[in-house]
C-alpha atoms as a PDB file:
ATOM      1  CA  MET A   1     125.651  93.071 114.510  1.00  0.00           C
ATOM      2  CA  ILE A   2     122.262  93.783 116.036  1.00  0.00           C
ATOM      3  CA  SER A   3     122.591  98.010 115.840  1.00  0.00           C
ATOM      4  CA  GLY A   4     122.626  97.274 111.982  1.00  0.00           C
ATOM      5  CA  TRP A   5     119.769  95.247 111.949  1.00  0.00           C
ATOM      6  CA  LEU A   6     117.945  97.660 114.172  1.00  0.00           C
ATOM      7  CA  TYR A   7     119.028 100.373 111.500  1.00  0.00           C
ATOM      8  CA  ILE A   8     117.327  98.369 108.979  1.00  0.00           C
ATOM      9  CA  VAL A   9     113.971  97.861 110.537  1.00  0.00           C
ATOM     10  CA  LEU A  10     114.233 101.690 111.615  1.00  0.00           C
ATOM     11  CA  CYS A  11     114.380 102.174 107.723  1.00  0.00           C
ATOM     12  CA  ALA A  12     111.870  99.948 106.726  1.00  0.00           C
ATOM     13  CA  ALA A  13     109.419 101.400 109.670  1.00  0.00           C
ATOM     14  CA  SER A  14     110.017 105.276 108.239  1.00  0.00           C
ATOM     15  CA  SER A  15     109.538 104.302 104.810  1.00  0.00           C
ATOM     16  CA  VAL A  16     105.940 102.419 105.715  1.00  0.00           C
ATOM     17  CA  LEU A  17     105.125 105.324 108.117  1.00  0.00           C
ATOM     18  CA  ILE A  18     105.648 107.701 104.918  1.00  0.00           C
ATOM     19  CA  ALA A  19     103.303 105.727 102.937  1.00  0.00           C
ATOM     20  CA  HIS A  20     100.997 105.845 105.598  1.00  0.00           C
ATOM     21  CA  LEU A  21     101.077 109.669 106.448  1.00  0.00           C
ATOM     22  CA  LEU A  22     100.344 110.222 102.400  1.00  0.00           C
ATOM     23  CA  LYS A  23      97.393 108.155 102.165  1.00  0.00           C
ATOM     24  CA  VAL A  24      96.304 110.548 105.409  1.00  0.00           C
ATOM     25  CA  VAL A  25      97.033 113.680 103.320  1.00  0.00           C
ATOM     26  CA  GLU A  26      94.788 111.863 100.456  1.00  0.00           C
ATOM     27  CA  ASN A  27      91.991 110.883 102.237  1.00  0.00           C
ATOM     28  CA  ARG A  28      91.578 114.427 104.110  1.00  0.00           C
ATOM     29  CA  LYS A  29      91.346 115.697 100.616  1.00  0.00           C
ATOM     30  CA  LEU A  30      94.580 118.297 101.886  1.00  0.00           C
ATOM     31  CA  ASN A  31      96.874 119.947  99.116  1.00  0.00           C
ATOM     32  CA  THR A  32      99.266 117.562  98.537  1.00  0.00           C
ATOM     33  CA  VAL A  33     101.979 119.776  96.597  1.00  0.00           C
ATOM     34  CA  ARG A  34     101.892 122.523 100.006  1.00  0.00           C
ATOM     35  CA  VAL A  35     102.043 118.882 102.216  1.00  0.00           C
ATOM     36  CA  LEU A  36     105.324 117.917  99.994  1.00  0.00           C
ATOM     37  CA  THR A  37     106.957 121.616 100.565  1.00  0.00           C
ATOM     38  CA  VAL A  38     106.614 121.866 103.995  1.00  0.00           C
ATOM     39  CA  ASN A  39     108.397 118.267 103.975  1.00  0.00           C
ATOM     40  CA  TYR A  40     110.754 119.242 102.152  1.00  0.00           C
ATOM     41  CA  PHE A  41     111.546 122.545 103.919  1.00  0.00           C
ATOM     42  CA  THR A  42     111.511 120.034 107.531  1.00  0.00           C
ATOM     43  CA  ALA A  43     113.981 117.460 105.880  1.00  0.00           C
ATOM     44  CA  THR A  44     116.743 120.764 104.624  1.00  0.00           C
ATOM     45  CA  VAL A  45     116.454 122.583 108.029  1.00  0.00           C
ATOM     46  CA  ILE A  46     117.532 119.636 109.430  1.00  0.00           C
ATOM     47  CA  ALA A  47     119.990 118.079 107.416  1.00  0.00           C
ATOM     48  CA  ALA A  48     121.742 122.039 107.314  1.00  0.00           C
ATOM     49  CA  SER A  49     121.569 122.266 111.213  1.00  0.00           C
ATOM     50  CA  THR A  50     123.414 118.777 111.750  1.00  0.00           C
ATOM     51  CA  THR A  51     125.747 119.148 108.963  1.00  0.00           C
ATOM     52  CA  GLY A  52     125.811 122.741 107.819  1.00  0.00           C
ATOM     53  CA  PHE A  53     126.893 123.894 104.257  1.00  0.00           C
ATOM     54  CA  ASP A  54     130.431 124.142 104.554  1.00  0.00           C
ATOM     55  CA  GLN A  55     131.634 121.498 102.350  1.00  0.00           C
ATOM     56  CA  ILE A  56     129.543 122.399  99.451  1.00  0.00           C
ATOM     57  CA  ILE A  57     130.632 126.246  99.797  1.00  0.00           C
ATOM     58  CA  GLN A  58     133.977 125.573 100.149  1.00  0.00           C
ATOM     59  CA  LEU A  59     134.055 123.475  96.825  1.00  0.00           C
ATOM     60  CA  ASP A  60     135.854 124.171  93.846  1.00  0.00           C
ATOM     61  CA  PHE A  61     133.928 125.222  90.904  1.00  0.00           C
ATOM     62  CA  SER A  62     134.646 122.789  88.326  1.00  0.00           C
ATOM     63  CA  GLU A  63     134.389 119.718  90.504  1.00  0.00           C
ATOM     64  CA  GLY A  64     131.993 120.672  92.512  1.00  0.00           C
ATOM     65  CA  PHE A  65     129.216 122.373  89.746  1.00  0.00           C
ATOM     66  CA  TYR A  66     128.472 118.492  88.271  1.00  0.00           C
ATOM     67  CA  ALA A  67     127.578 116.988  92.183  1.00  0.00           C
ATOM     68  CA  ILE A  68     125.183 120.311  92.809  1.00  0.00           C
ATOM     69  CA  ALA A  69     124.088 119.818  89.590  1.00  0.00           C
ATOM     70  CA  LEU A  70     123.072 116.411  89.672  1.00  0.00           C
ATOM     71  CA  GLY A  71     121.777 117.130  92.973  1.00  0.00           C
ATOM     72  CA  ALA A  72     118.942 119.951  91.846  1.00  0.00           C
ATOM     73  CA  VAL A  73     118.045 117.620  89.014  1.00  0.00           C
ATOM     74  CA  VAL A  74     117.452 114.624  91.545  1.00  0.00           C
ATOM     75  CA  GLY A  75     115.460 116.950  94.010  1.00  0.00           C
ATOM     76  CA  VAL A  76     112.509 117.864  90.891  1.00  0.00           C
ATOM     77  CA  ILE A  77     112.559 113.678  90.713  1.00  0.00           C
ATOM     78  CA  PHE A  78     111.800 113.253  94.243  1.00  0.00           C
ATOM     79  CA  ILE A  79     109.176 115.890  94.616  1.00  0.00           C
ATOM     80  CA  ALA A  80     107.591 115.074  91.504  1.00  0.00           C
ATOM     81  CA  ASN A  81     107.959 110.929  92.741  1.00  0.00           C
ATOM     82  CA  PHE A  82     106.147 111.792  95.872  1.00  0.00           C
ATOM     83  CA  PHE A  83     103.229 113.753  94.365  1.00  0.00           C
ATOM     84  CA  ILE A  84     102.640 110.325  92.083  1.00  0.00           C
ATOM     85  CA  TYR A  85     103.333 107.877  95.049  1.00  0.00           C
ATOM     86  CA  SER A  86     100.954 110.168  97.460  1.00  0.00           C
ATOM     87  CA  LYS A  87      98.013 110.040  94.722  1.00  0.00           C
ATOM     88  CA  SER A  88      99.188 106.105  94.115  1.00  0.00           C
ATOM     89  CA  VAL A  89      98.344 105.054  97.877  1.00  0.00           C
ATOM     90  CA  HIS A  90      95.044 107.091  97.613  1.00  0.00           C
ATOM     91  CA  HIS A  91      93.915 105.040  94.554  1.00  0.00           C
ATOM     92  CA  ASN A  92      95.891 101.837  93.945  1.00  0.00           C
ATOM     93  CA  GLY A  93      96.156 100.958  98.042  1.00  0.00           C
ATOM     94  CA  VAL A  94      99.605 100.984 100.201  1.00  0.00           C
ATOM     95  CA  GLY A  95     100.902  97.767  99.559  1.00  0.00           C
ATOM     96  CA  ILE A  96     100.698  98.086  95.621  1.00  0.00           C
ATOM     97  CA  SER A  97     102.408 101.123  95.248  1.00  0.00           C
ATOM     98  CA  VAL A  98     105.254  99.905  97.626  1.00  0.00           C
ATOM     99  CA  ALA A  99     105.980  97.085  95.657  1.00  0.00           C
ATOM    100  CA  ALA A 100     105.820  99.048  92.471  1.00  0.00           C
ATOM    101  CA  MET A 101     108.300 101.252  94.282  1.00  0.00           C
ATOM    102  CA  ARG A 102     110.695  98.669  95.225  1.00  0.00           C
ATOM    103  CA  ILE A 103     110.893  96.392  92.046  1.00  0.00           C
ATOM    104  CA  SER A 104     112.242  99.759  90.602  1.00  0.00           C
ATOM    105  CA  LEU A 105     115.942  98.113  91.643  1.00  0.00           C
ATOM    106  CA  ILE A 106     115.525  97.139  88.225  1.00  0.00           C
ATOM    107  CA  VAL A 107     116.516 100.166  86.941  1.00  0.00           C
ATOM    108  CA  PRO A 108     120.077 100.820  88.632  1.00  0.00           C
ATOM    109  CA  VAL A 109     120.731  97.379  88.265  1.00  0.00           C
ATOM    110  CA  LEU A 110     120.639  98.067  84.731  1.00  0.00           C
ATOM    111  CA  LEU A 111     122.417 101.470  84.867  1.00  0.00           C
ATOM    112  CA  SER A 112     125.153  99.757  86.771  1.00  0.00           C
ATOM    113  CA  THR A 113     125.566  96.863  84.212  1.00  0.00           C
ATOM    114  CA  ALA A 114     124.857  98.911  81.155  1.00  0.00           C
ATOM    115  CA  TRP A 115     127.046 101.920  81.993  1.00  0.00           C
ATOM    116  CA  TYR A 116     129.777 101.030  84.783  1.00  0.00           C
ATOM    117  CA  LEU A 117     129.707  97.336  83.304  1.00  0.00           C
ATOM    118  CA  GLU A 118     129.089  95.966  86.397  1.00  0.00           C
ATOM    119  CA  LEU A 119     127.947  91.639  85.286  1.00  0.00           C
ATOM    120  CA  LEU A 120     125.212  90.476  86.831  1.00  0.00           C
ATOM    121  CA  THR A 121     124.757  86.830  87.891  1.00  0.00           C
ATOM    122  CA  PHE A 122     122.538  84.296  86.579  1.00  0.00           C
ATOM    123  CA  ARG A 123     120.088  85.007  89.522  1.00  0.00           C
ATOM    124  CA  GLN A 124     119.849  88.627  88.962  1.00  0.00           C
ATOM    125  CA  TRP A 125     119.241  87.901  85.258  1.00  0.00           C
ATOM    126  CA  VAL A 126     116.162  85.321  86.536  1.00  0.00           C
ATOM    127  CA  GLY A 127     115.328  88.660  88.753  1.00  0.00           C
ATOM    128  CA  VAL A 128     115.206  91.261  86.344  1.00  0.00           C
ATOM    129  CA  VAL A 129     112.808  89.316  83.921  1.00  0.00           C
ATOM    130  CA  LEU A 130     110.579  88.973  86.553  1.00  0.00           C
ATOM    131  CA  VAL A 131     110.431  92.231  87.830  1.00  0.00           C
ATOM    132  CA  PHE A 132     108.332  92.634  83.975  1.00  0.00           C
ATOM    133  CA  VAL A 133     106.175  89.750  85.024  1.00  0.00           C
ATOM    134  CA  THR A 134     105.431  90.858  88.632  1.00  0.00           C
ATOM    135  CA  LEU A 135     104.856  94.770  87.516  1.00  0.00           C
ATOM    136  CA  PHE A 136     102.184  93.407  84.874  1.00  0.00           C
ATOM    137  CA  LEU A 137     100.750  91.455  87.733  1.00  0.00           C
ATOM    138  CA  LEU A 138     100.143  94.514  90.081  1.00  0.00           C
ATOM    139  CA  LEU A 139      98.690  96.891  87.500  1.00  0.00           C
ATOM    140  CA  PRO A 140      94.791  96.774  88.163  1.00  0.00           C
ATOM    141  CA  ASN A 141      92.172  96.969  85.420  1.00  0.00           C
ATOM    142  CA  LYS A 142      95.134  96.036  82.702  1.00  0.00           C
ATOM    143  CA  ARG A 143      92.464  96.665  79.673  1.00  0.00           C
ATOM    144  CA  LYS A 144      91.462 100.480  81.231  1.00  0.00           C
ATOM    145  CA  MET A 145      94.910 101.089  80.607  1.00  0.00           C
ATOM    146  CA  LEU A 146      94.898 100.859  77.050  1.00  0.00           C
ATOM    147  CA  ARG A 147      91.508 102.498  76.715  1.00  0.00           C
ATOM    148  CA  GLU A 148      92.187 105.216  79.209  1.00  0.00           C
ATOM    149  CA  PRO A 149      95.672 107.095  78.937  1.00  0.00           C
ATOM    150  CA  LEU A 150      94.590 108.925  82.335  1.00  0.00           C
ATOM    151  CA  SER A 151      94.025 105.630  84.574  1.00  0.00           C
ATOM    152  CA  VAL A 152      95.108 105.372  88.001  1.00  0.00           C
ATOM    153  CA  ALA A 153      96.939 102.406  87.098  1.00  0.00           C
ATOM    154  CA  TRP A 154      99.481 104.604  84.842  1.00  0.00           C
ATOM    155  CA  LEU A 155     100.308 105.836  88.687  1.00  0.00           C
ATOM    156  CA  LEU A 156     102.144 102.841  89.432  1.00  0.00           C
ATOM    157  CA  VAL A 157     104.249 102.461  86.108  1.00  0.00           C
ATOM    158  CA  LEU A 158     105.195 106.748  86.581  1.00  0.00           C
ATOM    159  CA  LEU A 159     106.161 105.549  90.246  1.00  0.00           C
ATOM    160  CA  PHE A 160     108.199 102.684  88.428  1.00  0.00           C
ATOM    161  CA  ILE A 161     109.984 104.996  86.525  1.00  0.00           C
ATOM    162  CA  GLY A 162     110.424 107.765  88.891  1.00  0.00           C
ATOM    163  CA  THR A 163     111.587 105.687  91.643  1.00  0.00           C
ATOM    164  CA  GLY A 164     114.658 103.775  89.317  1.00  0.00           C
ATOM    165  CA  LEU A 165     115.176 107.194  87.840  1.00  0.00           C
ATOM    166  CA  GLY A 166     116.166 108.734  91.461  1.00  0.00           C
ATOM    167  CA  ASP A 167     117.489 105.660  92.407  1.00  0.00           C
ATOM    168  CA  SER A 168     119.938 105.449  89.315  1.00  0.00           C
ATOM    169  CA  SER A 169     121.075 109.348  90.258  1.00  0.00           C
ATOM    170  CA  LEU A 170     122.085 108.134  93.702  1.00  0.00           C
ATOM    171  CA  LYS A 171     124.125 105.267  92.383  1.00  0.00           C
ATOM    172  CA  ILE A 172     125.760 108.257  89.913  1.00  0.00           C
ATOM    173  CA  TYR A 173     126.414 110.116  92.816  1.00  0.00           C
ATOM    174  CA  GLU A 174     127.838 107.095  94.567  1.00  0.00           C
ATOM    175  CA  VAL A 175     130.201 105.856  91.401  1.00  0.00           C
ATOM    176  CA  GLU A 176     130.949 110.215  90.318  1.00  0.00           C
ATOM    177  CA  PHE A 177     131.254 112.290  92.967  1.00  0.00           C
ATOM    178  CA  SER A 178     130.649 110.400  96.905  1.00  0.00           C
ATOM    179  CA  SER A 179     135.171 111.399  97.037  1.00  0.00           C
ATOM    180  CA  ILE A 180     134.314 115.163  96.985  1.00  0.00           C
ATOM    181  CA  LEU A 181     131.087 115.429  98.365  1.00  0.00           C
ATOM    182  CA  SER A 182     129.370 113.756 101.460  1.00  0.00           C
ATOM    183  CA  LYS A 183     126.155 111.707 101.590  1.00  0.00           C
ATOM    184  CA  GLU A 184     124.440 114.434 103.842  1.00  0.00           C
ATOM    185  CA  HIS A 185     125.543 117.471 102.124  1.00  0.00           C
ATOM    186  CA  PHE A 186     124.210 115.805  98.524  1.00  0.00           C
ATOM    187  CA  MET A 187     120.841 114.709 100.522  1.00  0.00           C
ATOM    188  CA  GLY A 188     120.946 118.606 101.532  1.00  0.00           C
ATOM    189  CA  ILE A 189     121.121 120.101  98.261  1.00  0.00           C
ATOM    190  CA  VAL A 190     118.236 117.320  96.876  1.00  0.00           C
ATOM    191  CA  PHE A 191     116.104 118.374  99.328  1.00  0.00           C
ATOM    192  CA  PHE A 192     116.868 121.776  99.072  1.00  0.00           C
ATOM    193  CA  THR A 193     115.590 121.776  95.559  1.00  0.00           C
ATOM    194  CA  ALA A 194     112.588 119.867  95.971  1.00  0.00           C
ATOM    195  CA  PHE A 195     111.488 121.862  98.356  1.00  0.00           C
ATOM    196  CA  LEU A 196     112.385 125.405  96.012  1.00  0.00           C
ATOM    197  CA  VAL A 197     110.053 123.145  93.275  1.00  0.00           C
ATOM    198  CA  GLY A 198     107.370 122.898  95.804  1.00  0.00           C
ATOM    199  CA  LEU A 199     107.749 126.763  96.415  1.00  0.00           C
ATOM    200  CA  ILE A 200     107.794 127.773  93.153  1.00  0.00           C
ATOM    201  CA  VAL A 201     104.510 125.276  92.100  1.00  0.00           C
ATOM    202  CA  VAL A 202     102.595 126.681  95.072  1.00  0.00           C
ATOM    203  CA  SER A 203     103.245 130.649  93.729  1.00  0.00           C
ATOM    204  CA  LEU A 204     102.442 129.947  90.667  1.00  0.00           C
ATOM    205  CA  ARG A 205      98.853 128.444  91.696  1.00  0.00           C
ATOM    206  CA  LYS A 206      98.623 131.468  94.224  1.00  0.00           C
ATOM    207  CA  ASN A 207      97.881 128.799  96.791  1.00  0.00           C
ATOM    208  CA  TRP A 208      99.536 130.255  99.416  1.00  0.00           C
ATOM    209  CA  LYS A 209      96.382 129.273 102.001  1.00  0.00           C
ATOM    210  CA  PHE A 210      98.504 126.909 104.309  1.00  0.00           C
ATOM    211  CA  LYS A 211      96.162 124.466 106.721  1.00  0.00           C
ATOM    212  CA  MET A 212      97.507 123.907 109.682  1.00  0.00           C
ATOM    213  CA  GLN A 213      96.729 120.063 109.454  1.00  0.00           C
ATOM    214  CA  GLU A 214      99.354 120.583 106.109  1.00  0.00           C
ATOM    215  CA  ILE A 215     102.119 122.214 108.262  1.00  0.00           C
ATOM    216  CA  ILE A 216     101.846 119.076 110.984  1.00  0.00           C
ATOM    217  CA  LEU A 217     101.666 116.906 108.192  1.00  0.00           C
ATOM    218  CA  GLY A 218     104.659 118.330 105.982  1.00  0.00           C
ATOM    219  CA  ILE A 219     106.895 118.191 109.212  1.00  0.00           C
ATOM    220  CA  ALA A 220     105.630 114.804 110.120  1.00  0.00           C
ATOM    221  CA  VAL A 221     106.486 113.432 106.612  1.00  0.00           C
ATOM    222  CA  GLY A 222     109.956 115.597 106.657  1.00  0.00           C
ATOM    223  CA  ILE A 223     111.393 114.050 109.389  1.00  0.00           C
ATOM    224  CA  PRO A 224     111.134 109.952 108.710  1.00  0.00           C
ATOM    225  CA  ASN A 225     111.440 110.986 104.793  1.00  0.00           C
ATOM    226  CA  LEU A 226     115.052 112.643 106.162  1.00  0.00           C
ATOM    227  CA  TYR A 227     116.091 109.815 108.513  1.00  0.00           C
ATOM    228  CA  THR A 228     115.283 106.915 106.102  1.00  0.00           C
ATOM    229  CA  ALA A 229     118.247 107.489 104.356  1.00  0.00           C
ATOM    230  CA  ILE A 230     120.376 108.373 107.170  1.00  0.00           C
ATOM    231  CA  PHE A 231     119.058 105.076 109.221  1.00  0.00           C
ATOM    232  CA  LEU A 232     119.908 102.865 105.478  1.00  0.00           C
ATOM    233  CA  ILE A 233     123.569 104.680 105.864  1.00  0.00           C
ATOM    234  CA  GLU A 234     124.294 103.422 109.531  1.00  0.00           C
ATOM    235  CA  ALA A 235     122.947  99.878 108.463  1.00  0.00           C
ATOM    236  CA  LEU A 236     125.200  99.872 105.422  1.00  0.00           C
ATOM    237  CA  GLU A 237     128.162 101.005 107.694  1.00  0.00           C
ATOM    238  CA  ARG A 238     127.773  97.892 110.038  1.00  0.00           C
ATOM    239  CA  MET A 239     126.230  95.162 107.579  1.00  0.00           C
ATOM    240  CA  ASN A 240     126.648  93.868 103.959  1.00  0.00           C
ATOM    241  CA  GLY A 241     125.072  95.841 101.031  1.00  0.00           C
ATOM    242  CA  ALA A 242     123.245  92.992  99.832  1.00  0.00           C
ATOM    243  CA  VAL A 243     121.522  91.913 103.579  1.00  0.00           C
ATOM    244  CA  VAL A 244     121.196  95.253 103.683  1.00  0.00           C
ATOM    245  CA  TYR A 245     119.164  96.199 100.596  1.00  0.00           C
ATOM    246  CA  SER A 246     117.218  93.203 100.516  1.00  0.00           C
ATOM    247  CA  SER A 247     116.191  92.986 103.821  1.00  0.00           C
ATOM    248  CA  VAL A 248     114.659  96.830 103.849  1.00  0.00           C
ATOM    249  CA  ASN A 249     112.681  96.231 100.655  1.00  0.00           C
ATOM    250  CA  VAL A 250     111.455  93.155 101.742  1.00  0.00           C
ATOM    251  CA  LEU A 251     110.255  94.393 105.129  1.00  0.00           C
ATOM    252  CA  THR A 252     109.225  97.425 103.510  1.00  0.00           C
ATOM    253  CA  VAL A 253     106.626  95.703 101.059  1.00  0.00           C
ATOM    254  CA  LEU A 254     105.158  93.585 103.740  1.00  0.00           C
ATOM    255  CA  GLY A 255     104.514  96.344 105.900  1.00  0.00           C
ATOM    256  CA  GLY A 256     103.247  98.244 103.265  1.00  0.00           C
ATOM    257  CA  THR A 257     100.699  95.278 102.423  1.00  0.00           C
ATOM    258  CA  LEU A 258     100.248  95.024 105.949  1.00  0.00           C
ATOM    259  CA  LEU A 259      99.095  98.635 106.668  1.00  0.00           C
ATOM    260  CA  GLY A 260      97.134  98.657 103.861  1.00  0.00           C
ATOM    261  CA  ILE A 261      94.939  95.800 104.627  1.00  0.00           C
ATOM    262  CA  ILE A 262      94.903  96.451 107.941  1.00  0.00           C
ATOM    263  CA  LYS A 263      94.360  99.931 108.560  1.00  0.00           C
ATOM    264  CA  TRP A 264      93.097 101.246 105.176  1.00  0.00           C
ATOM    265  CA  GLY A 265      90.791  97.910 104.263  1.00  0.00           C
ATOM    266  CA  ASP A 266      93.047  97.779 100.834  1.00  0.00           C
ATOM    267  CA  LYS A 267      91.889  94.772  98.687  1.00  0.00           C
ATOM    268  CA  LEU A 268      94.369  92.915  96.306  1.00  0.00           C
ATOM    269  CA  THR A 269      93.016  90.651  94.129  1.00  0.00           C
ATOM    270  CA  ARG A 270      94.539  86.902  93.260  1.00  0.00           C
ATOM    271  CA  ILE A 271      96.862  88.084  90.537  1.00  0.00           C
ATOM    272  CA  GLN A 272      98.022  91.015  92.753  1.00  0.00           C
ATOM    273  CA  TRP A 273      98.602  89.013  95.424  1.00  0.00           C
ATOM    274  CA  THR A 274     100.531  86.738  92.909  1.00  0.00           C
ATOM    275  CA  GLY A 275     102.256  89.949  92.166  1.00  0.00           C
ATOM    276  CA  ILE A 276     103.140  90.819  95.998  1.00  0.00           C
ATOM    277  CA  VAL A 277     104.898  87.581  96.052  1.00  0.00           C
ATOM    278  CA  LEU A 278     106.598  87.649  93.223  1.00  0.00           C
ATOM    279  CA  THR A 279     107.984  91.334  93.966  1.00  0.00           C
ATOM    280  CA  LEU A 280     109.566  89.904  97.322  1.00  0.00           C
ATOM    281  CA  ILE A 281     111.216  87.148  95.033  1.00  0.00           C
ATOM    282  CA  THR A 282     112.444  89.813  92.779  1.00  0.00           C
ATOM    283  CA  ILE A 283     114.005  92.039  95.069  1.00  0.00           C
ATOM    284  CA  LEU A 284     115.968  89.127  96.920  1.00  0.00           C
ATOM    285  CA  LEU A 285     117.099  88.342  93.411  1.00  0.00           C
ATOM    286  CA  LEU A 286     118.169  91.357  92.317  1.00  0.00           C
ATOM    287  CA  ILE A 287     120.224  91.866  95.225  1.00  0.00           C
END
């Protein structure tokens, strides 16, 4: 039990560390795509060195094609969402951005209900309704959003959608493909695809001049990025899933909020503070 809680804390701490490092990237005006490309290259190398790709090579084509294709799609979603996340923590603050990501739990929850016919309790339905209220409260400059389609507040909406799609894809993997492809190998495909996407974007922009700071920060992001998933899996193997998911999300929102206020000077309005509190309540209700 004690080791399970240790992995929960490590998972949440890794998530908060990623948010902090992305904030550093934006503050130093470094190239976000190059940093993310190095990040996913680092995660791919570590994943490959620890698990290898033997299982992927030995997959039957008819069974493995869809699993690999799903991993590739998730990789594209991951790097796009990471880019949005980086911009959001810079413009909207760490705590609000983390909260927007965490309430996206509603998307895989609704997928489980609508597609896999998993029933929701009354408490969870209350959480579903609260998600929309919470997201509305977290959004800064709501009137400006309607007047300006490119307002930074829309980053929170895109972050919510992107994270929700990514989590839903992992739900599909868990139900449909986990029996033929291990989590470690699936995440290896995800990270490798994200790396290739970053490489393509850098190539198209002809922007190959990687700064030393970008390489260092990319490696620094890549390590917790990989181990966030590993710590979560370790915790799930030791404790009840409902306890793990709710604890990780609550600790991450609290950690991100405190980091933003103490380290980066984020200032929240009363309405946004209400949104943060409702985020914590919503997460507990949804799990």
